[in-house]
Protein backbone atom coordinates (compact mmCIF):
# COMPACT_ATOMS: atom_id res chain seq x y z
CA MET A 1 56.57 -37.58 -7.74
CA ALA A 2 55.12 -34.76 -5.29
CA ASP A 3 55.87 -32.34 -7.75
CA THR A 4 53.83 -34.15 -10.45
CA SER A 5 51.09 -33.75 -8.48
CA THR A 6 51.33 -30.28 -8.06
CA ARG A 7 51.16 -29.47 -11.32
CA THR A 8 48.02 -32.16 -12.33
CA GLY A 9 46.55 -30.06 -8.89
CA ALA A 10 47.06 -27.01 -10.72
CA PHE A 11 46.24 -27.70 -14.04
CA ARG A 12 43.10 -29.21 -13.29
CA SER A 13 42.41 -25.53 -11.44
CA ARG A 14 42.92 -23.77 -14.23
CA ARG A 15 40.61 -26.09 -16.71
CA ARG A 16 38.29 -25.48 -14.02
CA ILE A 17 38.62 -22.02 -13.98
CA ILE A 18 38.52 -21.80 -18.28
CA VAL A 19 35.64 -23.88 -18.37
CA TRP A 20 33.53 -22.21 -15.30
CA ALA A 21 34.57 -18.99 -17.14
CA ALA A 22 32.91 -20.64 -20.81
CA LEU A 23 30.02 -21.86 -19.43
CA VAL A 24 29.48 -17.72 -17.36
CA ALA A 25 29.79 -17.01 -20.64
CA ALA A 26 27.55 -18.87 -22.59
CA VAL A 27 25.13 -18.00 -20.50
CA ALA A 28 25.56 -14.85 -20.42
CA LEU A 29 24.73 -14.34 -24.79
CA LEU A 30 21.79 -16.96 -24.14
CA ALA A 31 20.26 -14.42 -21.45
CA VAL A 32 21.01 -11.82 -24.49
CA ALA A 33 19.49 -13.21 -26.85
CA ALA A 34 17.05 -13.88 -25.29
CA VAL A 35 16.17 -10.59 -24.30
CA ARG A 36 16.11 -8.73 -28.00
CA TRP A 37 14.00 -12.26 -28.58
CA LEU A 38 11.55 -11.68 -26.69
CA LEU A 39 11.19 -7.46 -26.88
CA PRO A 40 8.51 -7.19 -29.51
CA GLU A 41 10.75 -4.99 -32.34
CA ALA A 42 9.78 -0.70 -32.68
CA GLU A 43 6.50 -0.32 -35.19
CA ARG A 44 7.85 1.23 -37.65
CA VAL A 45 5.12 3.72 -39.58
CA GLU A 46 5.72 2.94 -43.84
CA ASP A 47 3.78 6.59 -45.88
CA ASP A 48 4.52 5.99 -49.40
CA ALA A 49 2.62 10.00 -49.70
CA ALA A 50 5.66 11.36 -48.19
CA GLY A 51 8.58 8.87 -49.05
CA LEU A 52 9.18 8.15 -45.28
CA SER A 53 9.35 5.61 -43.34
CA TYR A 54 9.39 5.93 -39.13
CA GLU A 55 10.45 3.82 -35.71
CA LEU A 56 7.85 5.32 -33.31
CA PRO A 57 9.16 4.97 -29.39
CA ALA A 58 7.81 2.74 -27.27
CA GLY A 59 3.89 3.67 -26.02
CA TRP A 60 3.10 4.89 -29.47
CA GLU A 61 0.35 4.80 -31.64
CA GLU A 62 0.52 5.28 -35.10
CA LEU A 63 -3.58 7.29 -36.22
CA PRO A 64 -6.30 5.22 -37.82
CA ASP A 65 -7.17 7.11 -41.11
CA TYR A 66 -9.64 9.27 -39.31
CA ASP A 67 -8.24 10.81 -36.56
CA ARG A 68 -4.87 12.61 -38.43
CA ALA A 69 -5.86 15.00 -40.30
CA GLU A 70 -6.95 16.20 -43.65
CA ARG A 71 -3.54 17.16 -44.53
CA PHE A 72 -1.54 13.97 -43.04
CA THR A 73 -0.74 11.22 -44.95
CA SER A 74 0.91 9.10 -41.84
CA ALA A 75 0.62 10.23 -37.83
CA ALA A 76 1.03 9.03 -34.51
CA ASP A 77 0.96 10.57 -30.93
CA ALA A 78 1.87 9.30 -27.98
CA GLY A 79 -2.11 9.53 -26.45
CA LEU A 80 -4.09 12.90 -25.92
CA LEU A 81 -1.93 16.07 -25.08
CA GLY A 82 1.42 14.50 -25.94
CA PRO A 83 4.25 14.45 -28.76
CA PHE A 84 2.86 13.59 -32.05
CA VAL A 85 4.16 13.25 -35.09
CA GLY A 86 2.61 13.14 -38.79
CA GLY A 87 3.58 12.58 -42.54
CA PHE A 88 2.25 14.28 -45.63
CA GLY A 89 4.22 14.74 -49.43
CA GLU A 90 3.45 17.93 -50.70
CA GLU A 91 4.63 19.42 -53.96
CA PHE A 92 8.37 20.97 -54.77
CA ALA A 93 9.92 21.99 -57.51
CA PRO A 94 13.62 20.92 -58.20
CA GLY A 95 16.03 22.84 -57.09
CA GLY A 96 13.79 24.47 -54.81
CA ASP A 97 15.29 26.03 -51.89
CA LEU A 98 14.48 23.58 -49.27
CA GLY A 99 15.28 25.59 -46.33
CA ALA A 100 13.01 28.13 -47.22
CA LEU A 101 10.55 25.42 -47.53
CA ALA A 102 11.73 24.13 -43.62
CA GLU A 103 11.05 27.01 -42.60
CA SER A 104 7.27 28.85 -43.28
CA MET A 105 6.04 25.10 -42.78
CA ALA A 106 7.41 24.95 -39.15
CA VAL A 107 5.79 27.89 -38.70
CA GLU A 108 2.64 27.97 -40.91
CA LEU A 109 2.19 23.80 -39.37
CA PRO A 110 1.59 24.40 -35.86
CA ARG A 111 -1.36 28.10 -36.54
CA ASP A 112 -3.81 25.63 -35.70
CA MET A 113 -3.30 24.50 -32.71
CA LEU A 114 -2.09 28.45 -31.26
CA SER A 115 -2.86 31.87 -30.70
CA ALA A 116 -1.91 33.98 -33.68
CA SER A 117 0.38 35.92 -31.35
CA THR A 118 1.89 33.05 -30.63
CA ALA A 119 5.63 34.13 -30.65
CA PHE A 120 8.42 30.80 -32.42
CA THR A 121 11.96 30.64 -32.32
CA VAL A 122 14.18 29.06 -33.95
CA LEU A 123 16.43 26.81 -31.87
CA ARG A 124 18.12 24.53 -35.47
CA SER A 125 18.13 25.17 -39.05
CA GLU A 126 20.37 23.32 -40.82
CA SER A 127 20.84 21.13 -44.18
CA VAL A 128 21.35 16.74 -43.41
CA ASP A 129 21.31 14.00 -45.70
CA ILE A 130 18.21 11.44 -45.38
CA GLY A 131 19.60 8.57 -48.08
CA GLY A 132 21.18 10.07 -49.98
CA ARG A 133 18.95 12.94 -50.72
CA ALA A 134 18.71 16.86 -49.87
CA ALA A 135 17.36 17.71 -46.85
CA HIS A 136 16.95 20.37 -44.24
CA GLU A 137 15.02 20.46 -40.65
CA ILE A 138 14.46 22.58 -38.05
CA GLU A 139 12.97 22.90 -34.75
CA LEU A 140 11.71 25.73 -32.59
CA THR A 141 9.85 26.06 -29.25
CA ALA A 142 6.86 28.60 -29.64
CA ALA A 143 5.97 31.03 -26.86
CA ASP A 144 1.60 31.24 -27.22
CA PRO A 145 0.40 33.82 -24.45
CA VAL A 146 -2.90 32.01 -24.09
CA HIS A 147 -1.60 28.52 -24.67
CA GLY A 148 2.17 28.37 -22.57
CA GLY A 149 5.15 26.77 -24.63
CA ALA A 150 5.29 24.45 -27.53
CA TYR A 151 7.97 22.49 -29.17
CA VAL A 152 8.29 22.14 -32.81
CA ARG A 153 10.50 19.82 -35.48
CA LEU A 154 9.80 19.69 -39.38
CA LEU A 155 12.47 17.44 -41.47
CA VAL A 156 12.38 18.03 -45.60
CA VAL A 157 13.41 15.47 -48.16
CA ALA A 158 13.69 15.88 -51.77
CA VAL A 159 12.46 12.55 -52.06
CA ASP A 160 12.39 12.88 -56.04
CA ALA A 161 11.72 15.16 -58.75
CA GLY A 162 8.93 17.59 -58.08
CA ARG A 163 8.62 15.59 -53.99
CA ALA A 164 9.19 16.20 -50.91
CA GLY A 165 8.19 14.92 -48.23
CA VAL A 166 7.44 16.03 -44.75
CA LEU A 167 8.01 14.77 -41.26
CA TYR A 168 6.37 17.08 -38.36
CA GLY A 169 6.88 17.05 -35.46
CA PHE A 170 5.23 18.33 -32.07
CA ASP A 171 4.82 18.53 -28.61
CA TYR A 172 1.92 21.38 -26.96
CA LEU A 173 3.82 21.46 -23.78
CA ASP A 174 7.73 21.21 -24.41
CA LEU A 175 8.56 18.77 -22.65
CA ASP A 176 12.44 17.67 -22.34
CA ASP A 177 10.54 13.76 -22.29
CA ALA A 178 9.00 14.46 -25.45
CA ARG A 179 12.05 16.27 -27.42
CA GLY A 180 13.61 13.36 -27.10
CA GLU A 181 11.04 10.49 -27.93
CA ILE A 182 10.71 13.34 -31.22
CA GLY A 183 14.50 13.17 -32.04
CA ASP A 184 14.12 9.56 -31.86
CA VAL A 185 11.96 9.40 -34.76
CA PHE A 186 13.23 11.65 -36.56
CA ALA A 187 17.17 9.91 -35.83
CA SER A 188 14.77 6.83 -38.19
CA VAL A 189 13.81 8.46 -40.55
CA GLU A 190 14.15 6.89 -43.39
CA LEU A 191 12.81 6.72 -47.25
CA CYS A 192 10.01 4.04 -48.68
């Protein structure tokens, strides 16, 4: 008889452990679901003129039309002198050289903000694929003798016949955190 009660007690102990483990797992799953539900979704910019969309990191704001340079059909930043991204469409001949276009634009676009004697160093220039479309991405640093260092990143995507979508990223201070945030934006690029 004692043997039966010992087995029954051991069975009850195991059952309690299993029930408690299941309850703890259920509470953990509910907590994760609640956190995901309560966190706001990242803002996504849809730039139809560029044919691209991209996600903004926390703390970034999409800029209104009146606050963007004329060329840009979308733009966002992390505040005054913070990192910036902007998009626009560009005429592009089918079969043209995306790499040459990306490299020339990556040096041309920051010229408005940097001195004429700025020296650029290419960190990376490579062909990539965005949504099944040919693209080219380039990263540069800029050594401006007047203003100091800057970081430039540019993506050119052949979105359709005769048009390329361009996403331009710029950080005036060339900070590692800003590079990471610009990298997050570029990693989120999709075709519209």
